[in-house]
């Protein structure tokens, strides 16, 4: 995956992706391509949050540790477990944030291709940030050629 790291421009990265991956957009709501992004995180109980944060690891449904802002939960059976994806989160019709994610988790409440939950981390701050994410966007899966 040297191409991701060695790309010096957006054009280089786009060329690398086109040559090495097949890109599929999630169908989204009513096949519109619109995916609802919400957030999730885990609370920390007890007095010493900092100590517990360093030693607490949460695993997604595929048995891999979830990583803040890099792990998503999607519908089981619709998206490839562990799949590499590119999330484009919108606000007010404009792109607010875009980033690569991995499908590390599934949630029983998600039964559609129109929703993805972004993992924000552990603790009060992560929970607060997760609660503030409820917006639409697009989700693209990259499958290795």
N, C-alpha and C. Protein backbone atom coordinates (compact mmCIF):
# COMPACT_ATOMS: atom_id res chain seq x y z
N UNK A 1 0.81 -1.19 0.00
CA UNK A 1 0.00 0.00 0.00
C UNK A 1 0.87 1.26 0.00
N UNK A 2 2.03 1.13 -0.56
CA UNK A 2 2.96 2.24 -0.65
C UNK A 2 2.35 3.45 -1.37
N UNK A 3 1.43 3.20 -2.31
CA UNK A 3 0.85 4.28 -3.10
C UNK A 3 0.11 5.31 -2.27
N UNK A 4 -0.52 4.86 -1.17
CA UNK A 4 -1.22 5.81 -0.31
C UNK A 4 -0.22 6.76 0.33
N UNK A 5 0.87 6.21 0.80
CA UNK A 5 1.86 7.01 1.51
C UNK A 5 2.69 7.85 0.56
N UNK A 6 3.05 7.30 -0.60
CA UNK A 6 3.96 8.00 -1.50
C UNK A 6 3.26 8.99 -2.44
N UNK A 7 1.94 9.00 -2.48
CA UNK A 7 1.23 9.95 -3.35
C UNK A 7 1.54 11.37 -2.91
N UNK A 8 1.96 12.17 -3.87
CA UNK A 8 2.35 13.55 -3.55
C UNK A 8 1.25 14.56 -3.85
N UNK A 9 0.18 14.11 -4.51
CA UNK A 9 -0.91 15.01 -4.83
C UNK A 9 -2.22 14.23 -4.86
N UNK A 10 -3.30 14.95 -4.94
CA UNK A 10 -4.61 14.32 -5.04
C UNK A 10 -4.70 13.51 -6.34
N UNK A 11 -4.11 14.01 -7.39
CA UNK A 11 -4.11 13.31 -8.66
C UNK A 11 -3.35 11.98 -8.57
N UNK A 12 -2.18 12.00 -7.89
CA UNK A 12 -1.41 10.77 -7.70
C UNK A 12 -2.22 9.73 -6.93
N UNK A 13 -2.88 10.17 -5.86
CA UNK A 13 -3.68 9.26 -5.06
C UNK A 13 -4.85 8.72 -5.86
N UNK A 14 -5.53 9.57 -6.60
CA UNK A 14 -6.66 9.13 -7.44
C UNK A 14 -6.20 8.10 -8.46
N UNK A 15 -5.05 8.32 -9.08
CA UNK A 15 -4.51 7.38 -10.07
C UNK A 15 -4.18 6.04 -9.40
N UNK A 16 -3.54 6.10 -8.22
CA UNK A 16 -3.20 4.88 -7.49
C UNK A 16 -4.46 4.08 -7.15
N UNK A 17 -5.48 4.76 -6.67
CA UNK A 17 -6.73 4.07 -6.32
C UNK A 17 -7.37 3.46 -7.56
N UNK A 18 -7.44 4.20 -8.64
CA UNK A 18 -8.07 3.68 -9.88
C UNK A 18 -7.33 2.47 -10.42
N UNK A 19 -6.01 2.44 -10.30
CA UNK A 19 -5.22 1.32 -10.81
C UNK A 19 -5.25 0.09 -9.92
N UNK A 20 -5.51 0.29 -8.61
CA UNK A 20 -5.38 -0.82 -7.67
C UNK A 20 -6.68 -1.27 -7.00
N UNK A 21 -7.75 -0.50 -7.16
CA UNK A 21 -8.99 -0.83 -6.48
C UNK A 21 -10.19 -0.66 -7.40
N UNK A 22 -11.22 -1.43 -7.13
CA UNK A 22 -12.54 -1.18 -7.71
C UNK A 22 -13.31 -0.43 -6.64
N UNK A 23 -13.95 0.65 -7.00
CA UNK A 23 -14.65 1.50 -6.03
C UNK A 23 -16.15 1.33 -6.22
N UNK A 24 -16.83 1.05 -5.10
CA UNK A 24 -18.28 0.88 -5.10
C UNK A 24 -18.89 1.84 -4.11
N UNK A 25 -19.91 2.57 -4.54
CA UNK A 25 -20.61 3.47 -3.64
C UNK A 25 -21.73 2.71 -2.95
N UNK A 26 -21.90 2.92 -1.64
CA UNK A 26 -23.01 2.32 -0.91
C UNK A 26 -24.32 2.83 -1.50
N UNK A 27 -25.29 1.94 -1.66
CA UNK A 27 -26.58 2.32 -2.24
C UNK A 27 -27.24 3.45 -1.49
N UNK A 28 -27.16 3.42 -0.19
CA UNK A 28 -27.76 4.46 0.63
C UNK A 28 -29.27 4.38 0.65
N UNK A 29 -29.87 5.45 1.13
CA UNK A 29 -31.32 5.52 1.29
C UNK A 29 -32.01 5.54 -0.07
N UNK A 30 -32.91 4.60 -0.26
CA UNK A 30 -33.71 4.50 -1.49
C UNK A 30 -32.83 4.57 -2.75
N UNK A 31 -31.66 3.94 -2.68
CA UNK A 31 -30.69 3.90 -3.79
C UNK A 31 -30.22 5.28 -4.23
N UNK A 32 -30.27 6.26 -3.34
CA UNK A 32 -29.84 7.62 -3.67
C UNK A 32 -28.35 7.84 -3.44
N UNK A 33 -27.70 6.89 -2.74
CA UNK A 33 -26.29 7.06 -2.38
C UNK A 33 -26.10 7.81 -1.09
N UNK A 34 -27.19 8.29 -0.48
CA UNK A 34 -27.11 9.05 0.76
C UNK A 34 -27.08 8.11 1.97
N UNK A 35 -26.02 8.21 2.75
CA UNK A 35 -25.84 7.39 3.95
C UNK A 35 -25.93 8.29 5.17
N UNK A 36 -26.68 7.87 6.18
CA UNK A 36 -26.76 8.62 7.43
C UNK A 36 -25.60 8.19 8.32
N UNK A 37 -24.78 9.15 8.70
CA UNK A 37 -23.66 8.89 9.60
C UNK A 37 -24.04 9.35 11.00
N UNK A 38 -23.91 8.44 11.95
CA UNK A 38 -24.07 8.77 13.36
C UNK A 38 -22.80 8.31 14.06
N UNK A 39 -22.65 8.70 15.31
CA UNK A 39 -21.45 8.34 16.04
C UNK A 39 -21.74 7.44 17.21
N UNK A 40 -20.71 6.73 17.68
CA UNK A 40 -20.82 5.96 18.90
C UNK A 40 -19.49 5.92 19.61
N UNK A 41 -19.56 5.67 20.89
CA UNK A 41 -18.37 5.56 21.72
C UNK A 41 -18.73 4.76 22.96
N UNK A 42 -17.77 4.60 23.85
CA UNK A 42 -17.99 3.84 25.06
C UNK A 42 -17.64 4.68 26.28
N UNK A 43 -18.45 4.58 27.32
CA UNK A 43 -18.14 5.32 28.55
C UNK A 43 -17.02 4.64 29.32
N UNK A 44 -16.40 5.39 30.22
CA UNK A 44 -15.41 4.84 31.14
C UNK A 44 -15.98 5.03 32.53
N UNK A 45 -15.99 3.96 33.29
CA UNK A 45 -16.50 4.04 34.65
C UNK A 45 -15.35 4.05 35.63
N UNK A 46 -15.50 4.79 36.72
CA UNK A 46 -14.46 4.83 37.75
C UNK A 46 -13.80 6.19 37.80
N UNK A 47 -12.86 6.32 38.71
CA UNK A 47 -12.23 7.61 38.98
C UNK A 47 -11.08 7.95 38.04
N UNK A 48 -10.27 6.99 37.69
CA UNK A 48 -9.06 7.30 36.93
C UNK A 48 -9.27 7.03 35.44
N UNK A 49 -9.87 8.00 34.77
CA UNK A 49 -10.18 7.84 33.35
C UNK A 49 -8.91 7.68 32.52
N UNK A 50 -7.90 8.48 32.80
CA UNK A 50 -6.67 8.44 32.02
C UNK A 50 -6.01 7.07 32.10
N UNK A 51 -5.91 6.51 33.29
CA UNK A 51 -5.29 5.19 33.47
C UNK A 51 -6.10 4.14 32.72
N UNK A 52 -7.42 4.19 32.84
CA UNK A 52 -8.26 3.18 32.18
C UNK A 52 -8.21 3.33 30.66
N UNK A 53 -8.12 4.57 30.18
CA UNK A 53 -8.08 4.80 28.73
C UNK A 53 -6.87 4.08 28.13
N UNK A 54 -5.73 4.17 28.78
CA UNK A 54 -4.52 3.57 28.24
C UNK A 54 -4.57 2.04 28.23
N UNK A 55 -5.41 1.45 29.05
CA UNK A 55 -5.45 -0.01 29.16
C UNK A 55 -6.76 -0.61 28.66
N UNK A 56 -7.65 0.20 28.16
CA UNK A 56 -8.94 -0.30 27.70
C UNK A 56 -8.92 -0.41 26.18
N UNK A 57 -9.29 -1.58 25.70
CA UNK A 57 -9.39 -1.81 24.26
C UNK A 57 -10.77 -2.38 24.01
N UNK A 58 -11.45 -1.81 23.05
CA UNK A 58 -12.76 -2.34 22.65
C UNK A 58 -12.60 -3.00 21.29
N UNK A 59 -13.18 -4.18 21.19
CA UNK A 59 -13.10 -4.95 19.95
C UNK A 59 -14.43 -4.87 19.21
N UNK A 60 -14.35 -4.72 17.90
CA UNK A 60 -15.54 -4.74 17.07
C UNK A 60 -16.01 -6.17 16.87
N UNK A 61 -17.08 -6.31 16.14
CA UNK A 61 -17.70 -7.62 15.95
C UNK A 61 -16.83 -8.59 15.15
N UNK A 62 -15.81 -8.08 14.43
CA UNK A 62 -14.94 -9.00 13.68
C UNK A 62 -13.69 -9.37 14.48
N UNK A 63 -13.64 -8.96 15.76
CA UNK A 63 -12.54 -9.34 16.62
C UNK A 63 -11.31 -8.47 16.52
N UNK A 64 -11.44 -7.31 15.91
CA UNK A 64 -10.33 -6.38 15.73
C UNK A 64 -10.60 -5.15 16.60
N UNK A 65 -9.57 -4.60 17.27
CA UNK A 65 -9.79 -3.40 18.07
C UNK A 65 -10.33 -2.25 17.20
N UNK A 66 -11.32 -1.54 17.72
CA UNK A 66 -11.85 -0.38 17.00
C UNK A 66 -10.97 0.83 17.29
N UNK A 67 -10.81 1.69 16.29
CA UNK A 67 -9.93 2.85 16.36
C UNK A 67 -10.74 4.12 16.15
N UNK A 68 -10.59 5.11 17.04
CA UNK A 68 -11.36 6.35 16.89
C UNK A 68 -11.18 6.98 15.51
N UNK A 69 -12.29 7.36 14.91
CA UNK A 69 -12.37 8.04 13.62
C UNK A 69 -11.80 7.22 12.46
N UNK A 70 -11.56 5.93 12.68
CA UNK A 70 -11.08 5.06 11.61
C UNK A 70 -11.89 3.77 11.52
N UNK A 71 -12.74 3.51 12.52
CA UNK A 71 -13.58 2.31 12.52
C UNK A 71 -15.04 2.71 12.38
N UNK A 72 -15.76 1.94 11.56
CA UNK A 72 -17.20 2.17 11.43
C UNK A 72 -17.96 0.88 11.70
N UNK A 73 -19.20 1.05 12.08
CA UNK A 73 -20.13 -0.06 12.24
C UNK A 73 -21.17 0.07 11.15
N UNK A 74 -21.43 -1.05 10.46
CA UNK A 74 -22.41 -1.06 9.38
C UNK A 74 -23.28 -2.30 9.52
N UNK A 75 -24.18 -2.48 8.59
CA UNK A 75 -25.08 -3.61 8.62
C UNK A 75 -24.34 -4.90 8.29
N UNK A 76 -24.56 -5.90 9.11
CA UNK A 76 -23.96 -7.21 8.87
C UNK A 76 -24.57 -7.82 7.62
N UNK A 77 -23.75 -8.33 6.74
CA UNK A 77 -24.23 -8.99 5.54
C UNK A 77 -24.38 -8.06 4.34
N UNK A 78 -24.35 -6.76 4.55
CA UNK A 78 -24.46 -5.81 3.42
C UNK A 78 -23.09 -5.32 3.00
N UNK A 79 -22.24 -5.00 3.96
CA UNK A 79 -20.91 -4.48 3.67
C UNK A 79 -19.86 -5.52 4.05
N UNK A 80 -18.71 -5.52 3.36
CA UNK A 80 -17.68 -6.52 3.66
C UNK A 80 -17.03 -6.26 5.02
N UNK A 81 -16.98 -7.29 5.88
CA UNK A 81 -16.32 -7.12 7.18
C UNK A 81 -14.85 -6.77 6.97
N UNK A 82 -14.38 -5.76 7.67
CA UNK A 82 -12.99 -5.34 7.54
C UNK A 82 -12.70 -4.54 6.30
N UNK A 83 -13.74 -4.24 5.52
CA UNK A 83 -13.56 -3.55 4.26
C UNK A 83 -13.03 -2.13 4.40
N UNK A 84 -12.16 -1.75 3.46
CA UNK A 84 -11.64 -0.39 3.39
C UNK A 84 -12.67 0.49 2.70
N UNK A 85 -12.97 1.62 3.31
CA UNK A 85 -13.96 2.52 2.73
C UNK A 85 -13.49 3.97 2.88
N UNK A 86 -14.14 4.83 2.13
CA UNK A 86 -13.89 6.27 2.19
C UNK A 86 -15.20 6.93 2.53
N UNK A 87 -15.24 7.62 3.67
CA UNK A 87 -16.46 8.29 4.13
C UNK A 87 -16.39 9.77 3.77
N UNK A 88 -17.48 10.27 3.23
CA UNK A 88 -17.61 11.70 2.91
C UNK A 88 -18.80 12.21 3.69
N UNK A 89 -18.52 13.01 4.71
CA UNK A 89 -19.58 13.51 5.58
C UNK A 89 -19.92 14.94 5.16
N UNK A 90 -21.22 15.17 5.03
CA UNK A 90 -21.70 16.45 4.53
C UNK A 90 -22.39 17.25 5.63
N UNK A 91 -22.41 18.54 5.46
CA UNK A 91 -23.16 19.44 6.34
C UNK A 91 -23.63 20.60 5.50
N UNK A 92 -24.92 20.84 5.50
CA UNK A 92 -25.47 21.94 4.72
C UNK A 92 -25.22 21.80 3.23
N UNK A 93 -25.18 20.55 2.75
CA UNK A 93 -24.96 20.32 1.32
C UNK A 93 -23.52 20.42 0.88
N UNK A 94 -22.61 20.67 1.80
CA UNK A 94 -21.18 20.80 1.50
C UNK A 94 -20.40 19.69 2.18
N UNK A 95 -19.27 19.30 1.60
CA UNK A 95 -18.41 18.31 2.25
C UNK A 95 -17.77 18.96 3.47
N UNK A 96 -18.01 18.34 4.62
CA UNK A 96 -17.45 18.84 5.86
C UNK A 96 -16.16 18.11 6.22
N UNK A 97 -16.16 16.79 5.98
CA UNK A 97 -15.01 15.98 6.35
C UNK A 97 -15.01 14.73 5.48
N UNK A 98 -13.83 14.26 5.11
CA UNK A 98 -13.71 13.00 4.39
C UNK A 98 -12.48 12.28 4.90
N UNK A 99 -12.60 10.95 5.02
CA UNK A 99 -11.51 10.17 5.60
C UNK A 99 -11.69 8.69 5.29
N UNK A 100 -10.58 7.95 5.33
CA UNK A 100 -10.61 6.51 5.15
C UNK A 100 -11.03 5.84 6.45
N UNK A 101 -11.82 4.77 6.34
CA UNK A 101 -12.29 4.02 7.50
C UNK A 101 -12.23 2.52 7.17
N UNK A 102 -12.34 1.71 8.21
CA UNK A 102 -12.42 0.26 8.06
C UNK A 102 -13.68 -0.25 8.73
N UNK A 103 -14.33 -1.19 8.11
CA UNK A 103 -15.55 -1.78 8.67
C UNK A 103 -15.21 -2.79 9.74
N UNK A 104 -14.95 -2.31 10.94
CA UNK A 104 -14.54 -3.16 12.06
C UNK A 104 -15.70 -3.68 12.90
N UNK A 105 -16.89 -3.15 12.70
CA UNK A 105 -17.97 -3.46 13.62
C UNK A 105 -19.29 -3.57 12.88
N UNK A 106 -20.22 -4.28 13.48
CA UNK A 106 -21.61 -4.31 13.02
C UNK A 106 -22.47 -4.02 14.23
N UNK A 107 -23.65 -3.53 13.97
CA UNK A 107 -24.58 -3.26 15.06
C UNK A 107 -25.91 -3.87 14.69
N UNK A 108 -26.51 -4.53 15.65
CA UNK A 108 -27.80 -5.18 15.42
C UNK A 108 -28.88 -4.21 14.99
N UNK A 109 -28.77 -2.96 15.41
CA UNK A 109 -29.79 -1.96 15.07
C UNK A 109 -29.66 -1.47 13.63
N UNK A 110 -28.52 -1.69 13.01
CA UNK A 110 -28.32 -1.24 11.63
C UNK A 110 -28.72 -2.37 10.70
N UNK A 111 -29.77 -2.16 9.94
CA UNK A 111 -30.28 -3.20 9.03
C UNK A 111 -30.38 -2.69 7.60
N UNK A 112 -29.61 -1.69 7.26
CA UNK A 112 -29.74 -1.03 5.98
C UNK A 112 -28.38 -0.57 5.44
N UNK A 113 -28.32 -0.37 4.13
CA UNK A 113 -27.11 0.19 3.50
C UNK A 113 -27.10 1.70 3.60
N UNK A 114 -28.08 2.26 4.30
CA UNK A 114 -28.23 3.71 4.37
C UNK A 114 -27.72 4.29 5.69
N UNK A 115 -26.94 3.50 6.45
CA UNK A 115 -26.46 4.01 7.73
C UNK A 115 -25.08 3.44 8.06
N UNK A 116 -24.25 4.27 8.66
CA UNK A 116 -22.94 3.86 9.18
C UNK A 116 -22.67 4.64 10.45
N UNK A 117 -22.18 3.95 11.46
CA UNK A 117 -21.82 4.60 12.72
C UNK A 117 -20.31 4.71 12.82
N UNK A 118 -19.83 5.91 13.09
CA UNK A 118 -18.40 6.18 13.21
C UNK A 118 -18.01 6.06 14.68
N UNK A 119 -16.96 5.27 14.97
CA UNK A 119 -16.49 5.12 16.34
C UNK A 119 -15.65 6.35 16.72
N UNK A 120 -16.00 6.96 17.87
CA UNK A 120 -15.31 8.16 18.33
C UNK A 120 -14.33 7.91 19.46
N UNK A 121 -14.43 6.77 20.12
CA UNK A 121 -13.47 6.48 21.19
C UNK A 121 -14.14 6.17 22.51
N UNK A 122 -13.36 6.37 23.57
CA UNK A 122 -13.77 6.00 24.92
C UNK A 122 -13.74 7.25 25.80
N UNK A 123 -14.74 7.41 26.63
CA UNK A 123 -14.77 8.51 27.58
C UNK A 123 -15.82 9.56 27.26
N UNK A 124 -15.97 10.49 28.19
CA UNK A 124 -17.02 11.52 28.08
C UNK A 124 -16.87 12.38 26.83
N UNK A 125 -15.66 12.78 26.50
CA UNK A 125 -15.43 13.63 25.33
C UNK A 125 -15.82 12.89 24.04
N UNK A 126 -15.44 11.62 23.97
CA UNK A 126 -15.78 10.82 22.78
C UNK A 126 -17.30 10.65 22.66
N UNK A 127 -17.95 10.40 23.78
CA UNK A 127 -19.41 10.24 23.77
C UNK A 127 -20.07 11.55 23.32
N UNK A 128 -19.59 12.68 23.83
CA UNK A 128 -20.15 13.99 23.45
C UNK A 128 -20.00 14.23 21.95
N UNK A 129 -18.82 13.96 21.42
CA UNK A 129 -18.59 14.14 19.99
C UNK A 129 -19.46 13.19 19.16
N UNK A 130 -19.57 11.96 19.62
CA UNK A 130 -20.39 10.96 18.91
C UNK A 130 -21.85 11.38 18.87
N UNK A 131 -22.34 11.92 19.96
CA UNK A 131 -23.75 12.35 20.02
C UNK A 131 -24.02 13.51 19.07
N UNK A 132 -22.98 14.27 18.73
CA UNK A 132 -23.16 15.42 17.83
C UNK A 132 -23.10 15.07 16.35
N UNK A 133 -22.77 13.82 16.04
CA UNK A 133 -22.72 13.42 14.63
C UNK A 133 -24.04 12.76 14.24
N UNK A 134 -24.76 13.40 13.39
CA UNK A 134 -26.00 12.87 12.82
C UNK A 134 -26.25 13.63 11.53
N UNK A 135 -25.62 13.16 10.47
CA UNK A 135 -25.69 13.87 9.20
C UNK A 135 -25.57 12.88 8.05
N UNK A 136 -25.86 13.34 6.87
CA UNK A 136 -25.76 12.49 5.69
C UNK A 136 -24.41 12.63 5.02
N UNK A 137 -24.14 11.70 4.14
CA UNK A 137 -22.91 11.72 3.37
C UNK A 137 -22.90 10.56 2.40
N UNK A 138 -21.72 10.19 2.00
CA UNK A 138 -21.56 9.09 1.06
C UNK A 138 -20.48 8.15 1.58
N UNK A 139 -20.62 6.87 1.21
CA UNK A 139 -19.67 5.87 1.65
C UNK A 139 -19.24 5.06 0.44
N UNK A 140 -17.92 5.01 0.22
CA UNK A 140 -17.37 4.31 -0.94
C UNK A 140 -16.47 3.18 -0.45
N UNK A 141 -16.69 1.97 -0.93
CA UNK A 141 -15.85 0.83 -0.58
C UNK A 141 -14.80 0.62 -1.65
N UNK A 142 -13.56 0.34 -1.23
CA UNK A 142 -12.46 0.08 -2.13
C UNK A 142 -12.10 -1.40 -2.05
N UNK A 143 -12.31 -2.11 -3.14
CA UNK A 143 -11.99 -3.53 -3.19
C UNK A 143 -10.75 -3.73 -4.04
N UNK A 144 -9.76 -4.39 -3.47
CA UNK A 144 -8.48 -4.61 -4.16
C UNK A 144 -8.68 -5.36 -5.46
N UNK A 145 -8.05 -4.88 -6.52
CA UNK A 145 -8.12 -5.55 -7.84
C UNK A 145 -7.32 -6.82 -7.82
